[in-house]
Protein backbone atom coordinates (compact mmCIF):
# COMPACT_ATOMS: atom_id res chain seq x y z
CA MET A 1 0.00 0.00 0.00
CA LEU A 2 2.80 2.38 0.93
CA GLN A 3 4.65 1.74 -2.32
CA THR A 4 1.49 2.59 -4.28
CA LYS A 5 1.24 5.91 -2.44
CA LEU A 6 4.88 6.64 -3.03
CA THR A 7 4.60 6.00 -6.75
CA ALA A 8 1.57 8.23 -7.03
CA ALA A 9 3.16 10.91 -4.90
CA GLN A 10 6.07 11.33 -7.30
CA THR A 11 3.79 13.72 -9.22
CA VAL A 12 4.47 16.34 -6.54
CA GLU A 13 7.96 16.76 -7.98
CA ALA A 14 7.69 19.84 -10.18
CA GLN A 15 9.21 19.62 -13.66
CA PRO A 16 12.51 21.55 -14.02
CA GLN A 17 12.19 24.89 -15.79
CA GLU A 18 14.66 27.31 -17.30
CA PRO A 19 15.37 29.99 -14.68
CA GLY A 20 13.89 33.41 -15.48
CA PRO A 21 14.93 36.83 -14.16
CA ILE A 22 16.19 36.90 -10.59
CA PRO A 23 13.58 38.47 -8.27
CA ALA A 24 14.58 41.65 -6.49
CA GLY A 25 16.37 40.99 -3.22
CA HIS A 26 17.18 37.42 -4.22
CA ALA A 27 20.45 35.74 -5.17
CA ARG A 28 20.79 32.96 -7.71
CA LEU A 29 22.30 29.83 -6.21
CA ARG A 30 23.39 26.39 -7.37
CA LEU A 31 22.55 23.52 -5.05
CA ALA A 32 25.43 21.96 -3.16
CA VAL A 33 23.69 19.48 -0.83
CA ALA A 34 20.11 19.04 0.40
CA SER A 35 18.74 16.62 2.98
CA LEU A 36 15.47 14.82 3.50
CA CYS A 37 13.04 15.67 6.29
CA GLY A 38 10.04 13.80 7.66
CA THR A 39 7.91 16.66 6.40
CA ASP A 40 9.08 15.92 2.85
CA LEU A 41 8.13 12.29 3.36
CA HIS A 42 4.60 13.14 4.51
CA TYR A 43 4.01 15.33 1.45
CA PHE A 44 5.59 12.72 -0.81
CA ALA A 45 3.60 9.79 0.55
CA HIS A 46 0.30 11.42 1.51
CA PHE A 47 0.20 14.83 -0.23
CA ALA A 48 -0.35 16.40 3.21
CA ASN A 49 1.43 17.19 6.45
CA ALA A 50 0.05 18.28 9.83
CA GLY A 51 -3.32 19.06 8.26
CA PHE A 52 -1.93 21.07 5.33
CA GLN A 53 -2.95 19.56 1.98
CA LEU A 54 -0.98 20.14 -1.20
CA ARG A 55 -3.06 22.02 -3.77
CA ASN A 56 -0.64 21.88 -6.68
CA ALA A 57 2.60 20.26 -7.76
CA VAL A 58 5.61 21.61 -5.89
CA THR A 59 9.30 20.82 -5.61
CA LEU A 60 9.99 19.61 -2.07
CA GLY A 61 12.94 20.38 0.18
CA HIS A 62 13.77 22.97 2.84
CA GLU A 63 17.12 21.74 4.18
CA ALA A 64 20.03 22.73 1.95
CA CYS A 65 23.18 24.69 1.27
CA ALA A 66 24.25 26.14 -2.04
CA TRP A 67 26.93 28.02 -3.97
CA VAL A 68 26.31 31.64 -4.93
CA GLU A 69 26.10 31.91 -8.71
CA ASP A 70 24.83 35.48 -9.05
CA PRO A 71 24.77 37.80 -5.99
CA ASN A 72 22.33 40.09 -7.85
CA GLY A 73 23.61 43.24 -6.15
CA SER A 74 23.73 41.75 -2.63
CA ASP A 75 26.74 41.54 -0.32
CA LEU A 76 27.16 37.88 -1.18
CA ARG A 77 30.18 36.82 -3.22
CA LYS A 78 30.10 34.62 -6.32
CA GLY A 79 31.30 31.13 -5.43
CA GLN A 80 30.53 31.44 -1.71
CA LEU A 81 28.99 28.50 0.10
CA VAL A 82 25.87 29.59 2.00
CA ALA A 83 23.46 27.93 4.40
CA LEU A 84 19.84 28.47 3.37
CA ASN A 85 17.39 29.65 5.99
CA PRO A 86 13.98 28.66 4.58
CA ILE A 87 12.01 31.00 6.88
CA MET A 88 11.02 34.10 4.92
CA ASN A 89 9.34 36.20 7.59
CA CYS A 90 7.75 39.62 7.18
CA GLY A 91 9.69 41.37 9.95
CA THR A 92 6.77 43.60 10.96
CA CYS A 93 4.04 41.43 12.53
CA PRO A 94 3.81 41.10 16.34
CA ALA A 95 5.52 37.68 16.29
CA CYS A 96 8.47 39.02 14.29
CA LEU A 97 8.79 42.02 16.58
CA ARG A 98 8.99 39.58 19.53
CA GLY A 99 11.82 37.74 17.78
CA GLU A 100 9.58 34.76 16.97
CA GLU A 101 10.08 34.60 13.22
CA ASN A 102 8.89 30.99 13.21
CA LEU A 103 5.42 32.21 14.22
CA CYS A 104 5.27 35.04 11.66
CA THR A 105 1.69 35.49 10.43
CA ALA A 106 2.85 36.27 6.88
CA LYS A 107 5.74 33.81 6.68
CA LYS A 108 6.64 32.11 3.42
CA PHE A 109 8.23 28.67 3.50
CA PRO A 110 9.46 26.68 0.48
CA GLY A 111 8.45 23.12 -0.35
CA SER A 112 5.41 23.27 1.92
CA ALA A 113 1.64 23.54 1.70
CA THR A 114 1.69 26.15 4.48
CA THR A 115 2.41 28.81 1.84
CA VAL A 116 -0.31 29.31 -0.79
CA PRO A 117 0.41 29.34 -3.65
CA HIS A 118 3.18 26.90 -2.80
CA LEU A 119 6.82 27.94 -3.25
CA ASP A 120 9.17 25.43 -4.84
CA GLY A 121 11.65 23.98 -2.38
CA PHE A 122 15.35 23.23 -2.58
CA PHE A 123 15.39 19.88 -4.39
CA ARG A 124 16.52 21.58 -7.63
CA GLU A 125 19.81 22.58 -9.18
CA VAL A 126 19.13 26.33 -9.51
CA ILE A 127 17.54 28.20 -6.58
CA ASP A 128 16.58 31.86 -6.29
CA HIS A 129 16.44 32.67 -2.58
CA PRO A 130 16.29 35.93 -0.59
CA ALA A 131 19.85 37.13 -0.04
CA ARG A 132 19.00 37.98 3.57
CA CYS A 133 18.23 34.30 4.16
CA CYS A 134 21.62 33.14 2.84
CA ARG A 135 24.26 32.80 5.55
CA PRO A 136 27.84 32.64 4.15
CA VAL A 137 30.18 30.26 5.94
CA SER A 138 33.90 30.16 6.51
CA ASP A 139 36.18 28.50 3.99
CA GLY A 140 36.64 24.77 4.35
CA VAL A 141 33.14 23.93 5.59
CA ASP A 142 31.93 20.65 4.10
CA PRO A 143 28.60 21.18 2.33
CA ARG A 144 27.58 17.69 3.43
CA HIS A 145 27.75 19.02 6.98
CA LEU A 146 26.26 22.44 6.28
CA THR A 147 22.99 20.93 5.01
CA PHE A 148 22.40 19.91 8.65
CA ALA A 149 22.13 23.57 9.72
CA GLU A 150 18.36 23.84 9.28
CA PRO A 151 17.36 20.58 11.02
CA LEU A 152 19.96 21.20 13.73
CA ALA A 153 18.41 24.61 14.33
CA CYS A 154 15.03 22.91 14.80
CA ALA A 155 16.57 20.50 17.30
CA LEU A 156 18.29 23.33 19.19
CA HIS A 157 15.01 25.24 19.35
CA SER A 158 13.39 22.21 20.97
CA LEU A 159 16.23 22.02 23.49
CA ASN A 160 15.79 25.71 24.27
CA LYS A 161 12.03 25.32 24.69
CA GLY A 162 12.73 22.43 27.03
CA GLY A 163 15.34 24.41 28.96
CA VAL A 164 18.03 21.77 28.45
CA ALA A 165 21.25 22.69 30.28
CA ALA A 166 24.48 21.10 31.46
CA GLY A 167 24.12 18.43 34.11
CA GLN A 168 20.48 17.68 33.43
CA LYS A 169 19.12 14.21 32.77
CA VAL A 170 17.47 14.26 29.34
CA LEU A 171 15.49 11.53 27.58
CA VAL A 172 15.00 11.67 23.81
CA THR A 173 12.18 9.44 22.56
CA GLY A 174 12.72 8.58 18.90
CA CYS A 175 16.13 8.29 17.26
CA GLY A 176 15.23 9.37 13.77
CA PRO A 177 17.21 12.23 12.20
CA MET A 178 15.68 14.93 14.41
CA GLY A 179 16.04 12.88 17.56
CA LEU A 180 19.69 12.21 16.75
CA LEU A 181 20.35 15.93 16.29
CA ALA A 182 18.61 16.67 19.58
CA ILE A 183 20.82 14.07 21.24
CA ALA A 184 23.97 15.56 19.71
CA GLY A 185 22.91 19.08 20.69
CA ALA A 186 22.02 18.13 24.26
CA ALA A 187 25.27 16.20 24.69
CA ALA A 188 27.21 19.21 23.39
CA ARG A 189 25.60 21.26 26.18
CA GLY A 190 26.79 18.82 28.81
CA ALA A 191 23.49 17.08 29.49
CA HIS A 192 23.32 13.38 30.39
CA VAL A 193 21.30 11.94 27.52
CA THR A 194 19.34 8.71 27.30
CA ALA A 195 18.02 7.63 23.90
CA LEU A 196 14.91 5.51 23.32
CA ASP A 197 13.79 3.88 20.08
CA LEU A 198 12.15 0.66 18.92
CA ARG A 199 15.00 -0.03 16.47
CA PRO A 200 18.31 -1.32 17.85
CA GLY A 201 20.18 0.14 14.87
CA ALA A 202 18.83 3.61 15.59
CA VAL A 203 19.87 3.34 19.25
CA ASP A 204 23.39 2.35 18.16
CA VAL A 205 23.62 5.55 16.09
CA ALA A 206 22.24 7.54 19.05
CA LEU A 207 25.09 6.29 21.23
CA ARG A 208 27.57 7.47 18.60
CA ALA A 209 25.74 10.82 18.50
CA GLY A 210 26.38 11.45 22.19
CA ALA A 211 23.80 9.51 24.22
CA GLU A 212 25.24 7.95 27.37
CA THR A 213 22.52 5.30 27.59
CA GLY A 214 20.39 3.60 24.96
CA LEU A 215 17.01 1.95 25.54
CA ILE A 216 15.15 -0.29 23.09
CA GLY A 217 11.38 -0.11 23.33
CA GLY A 218 9.82 -3.31 24.66
CA GLN A 219 13.14 -4.54 26.09
CA PHE A 220 13.11 -2.77 29.45
CA ASP A 221 10.74 -2.15 32.35
CA GLU A 222 9.25 1.34 31.91
CA THR A 223 8.70 1.64 35.66
CA GLU A 224 12.49 1.96 35.96
CA ILE A 225 12.50 5.28 34.13
CA GLU A 226 9.41 6.86 35.70
CA ARG A 227 10.10 10.38 37.09
CA GLN A 228 13.79 10.04 36.21
CA PHE A 229 14.36 12.91 33.74
CA ASP A 230 14.44 16.66 34.01
CA VAL A 231 13.49 17.09 30.36
CA VAL A 232 12.09 14.76 27.72
CA ILE A 233 12.38 15.60 24.02
CA GLU A 234 9.63 13.76 22.10
CA ALA A 235 11.04 13.15 18.61
CA SER A 236 9.19 10.04 17.43
CA GLY A 237 5.74 11.36 16.53
CA ALA A 238 4.14 8.34 18.22
CA ILE A 239 1.46 8.72 20.89
CA PRO A 240 2.80 5.77 22.96
CA ALA A 241 6.18 7.53 23.08
CA PHE A 242 4.49 10.74 24.21
CA ASN A 243 2.82 8.78 27.02
CA THR A 244 6.23 7.35 27.93
CA ALA A 245 7.55 10.91 28.05
CA LEU A 246 4.81 11.94 30.47
CA LYS A 247 5.69 9.02 32.71
CA ALA A 248 9.46 9.42 32.47
CA VAL A 249 9.70 13.14 33.24
CA ARG A 250 10.08 14.10 36.89
CA ALA A 251 7.46 16.09 38.77
CA GLY A 252 7.77 19.71 37.70
CA GLY A 253 9.77 18.68 34.64
CA ARG A 254 9.26 19.62 31.03
CA VAL A 255 8.34 17.73 27.85
CA SER A 256 9.31 19.44 24.59
CA ILE A 257 7.55 18.16 21.48
CA LEU A 258 9.99 18.18 18.59
CA SER A 259 8.12 15.62 16.52
CA ASN A 260 5.28 16.35 14.13
CA ILE A 261 2.64 14.18 15.78
CA GLN A 262 0.12 13.42 13.06
CA MET A 263 -3.61 13.77 13.75
CA ARG A 264 -5.14 10.48 14.85
CA ASP A 265 -7.43 9.04 17.50
CA ALA A 266 -5.38 8.09 20.56
CA LYS A 267 -5.47 7.93 24.33
CA VAL A 268 -3.08 10.39 25.95
CA MET A 269 -2.25 10.27 29.66
CA LEU A 270 -3.10 13.93 30.21
CA HIS A 271 -3.88 13.36 33.89
CA LEU A 272 -0.13 13.11 34.48
CA VAL A 273 0.29 16.70 33.27
CA MET A 274 -1.85 17.79 36.21
CA LEU A 275 -0.64 15.32 38.83
CA LYS A 276 3.07 15.99 38.17
CA GLU A 277 2.74 19.65 37.13
CA ILE A 278 4.47 18.85 33.85
CA GLU A 279 5.15 21.66 31.43
CA VAL A 280 4.42 20.48 27.88
CA VAL A 281 5.81 22.83 25.25
CA GLY A 282 5.63 22.75 21.47
CA SER A 283 8.67 23.37 19.31
CA PHE A 284 8.13 24.66 15.78
CA GLN A 285 11.05 25.38 13.45
CA PHE A 286 13.52 27.89 14.96
CA ASN A 287 14.52 31.52 15.50
CA ARG A 288 18.01 32.61 16.54
CA GLU A 289 19.00 28.94 16.67
CA PHE A 290 19.79 28.97 12.94
CA GLU A 291 22.86 31.12 13.59
CA GLU A 292 23.82 28.88 16.53
CA ALA A 293 23.53 25.81 14.30
CA VAL A 294 25.70 27.30 11.54
CA GLN A 295 28.35 28.21 14.10
CA LEU A 296 28.37 24.64 15.44
CA VAL A 297 28.88 23.39 11.87
CA GLU A 298 31.74 25.83 11.33
CA GLU A 299 33.36 24.77 14.60
CA GLY A 300 33.11 21.06 13.75
CA ALA A 301 31.44 20.52 17.11
CA ILE A 302 29.23 17.64 15.92
CA ASN A 303 30.17 14.50 14.01
CA PHE A 304 27.72 14.83 11.14
CA ASP A 305 29.30 11.94 9.25
CA ALA A 306 28.08 9.63 12.01
CA LEU A 307 24.57 11.04 11.53
CA THR A 308 24.54 10.53 7.74
CA ALA A 309 22.73 7.39 6.63
CA ALA A 310 23.15 7.59 2.84
CA THR A 311 23.74 9.93 -0.08
CA TYR A 312 21.96 10.06 -3.44
CA PRO A 313 22.28 12.27 -6.48
CA LEU A 314 19.56 14.90 -6.69
CA ASP A 315 17.80 13.19 -9.60
CA GLN A 316 17.19 10.15 -7.37
CA ALA A 317 15.19 12.06 -4.75
CA GLY A 318 12.20 9.74 -5.23
CA GLU A 319 14.30 6.65 -4.57
CA ALA A 320 15.84 8.29 -1.51
CA LEU A 321 12.40 9.12 -0.09
CA ALA A 322 11.30 5.52 -0.65
CA VAL A 323 14.30 4.29 1.34
CA MET A 324 13.42 6.74 4.10
CA ALA A 325 9.81 5.54 4.09
CA ALA A 326 10.94 1.93 4.49
CA GLY A 327 12.59 2.88 7.79
CA GLY A 328 15.95 1.33 7.02
CA ALA A 329 18.01 4.53 7.13
CA PHE A 330 19.41 5.48 10.54
CA GLY A 331 20.27 9.15 10.23
CA LYS A 332 19.95 11.78 7.51
CA ILE A 333 19.72 10.99 3.81
CA LEU A 334 21.51 13.58 1.67
CA LEU A 335 20.92 14.66 -1.92
CA LEU A 336 23.99 15.87 -3.79
CA GLY A 337 23.89 18.57 -6.44
CA ARG A 338 26.03 18.28 -9.55
CA SER A 339 28.64 20.62 -8.07
CA VAL A 340 29.53 18.20 -5.24
């Protein structure tokens, strides 16, 4: 059934077109490396994500870095490698004025049904993107690492919403790509991280990413982890994992939802929120964390090679998404542009 959906969903890949004039305020870029996100997979497999339905064909992708081909009058330099911030906020709404660009009421976001009409994403060779959303990086940065900047920023935002700090005991439920980045980010802050996943292979990668302890779902007694963690980062998108988070966090602790929990009927142990005075916070995209993520990439603070599951050429994006859907890839799947 899934393969049928995947085959049908390949129609969401927009046909390549000859680039026209560069819009004002934009730079013309050539893709270096992009990476796959669970959001891409939902659109690819189901034509929808988090209640947003695709209305027309669109090129997917919002995690990428690229080379500057034409600065178009901006301060960028031809040949520079830049990280692409996909959040195109208005800068004037109340959310923007509070520094919450992720909650901008007029935000545009590529490769997503949240912007209507949809904007093509980054899974293409030539990209016109606002120059203000292109962050140049220092020489020598590996584009295969820089493509992690956007998802790492999302993970860091979740850690910030959860208040993760050095010395804390942190549980991350779900060791997919976002969970792994949350683990790496929390470990870099000096937290004591435990990773939980149903897949032994994913837990193995989590231990390499910085987790001190790995737990495999169904192979331990959950009563042993009740009230044991200061913060839980829910990164699986599964309601049973969210219930585990509510049980595992200490009284007065915090659960930060990094995952995109899809709408479905389910029983949630909400009584624990009251009984334990748990703070449950949502985490959506990022704000200042994008700059923090780029700096971590430049510093080489995280072993992104250990978090890379596979690489594919850009023209095999459909095959790469099918591999991701099958659940056999532990870590990020990268798409390489012709220039890499």
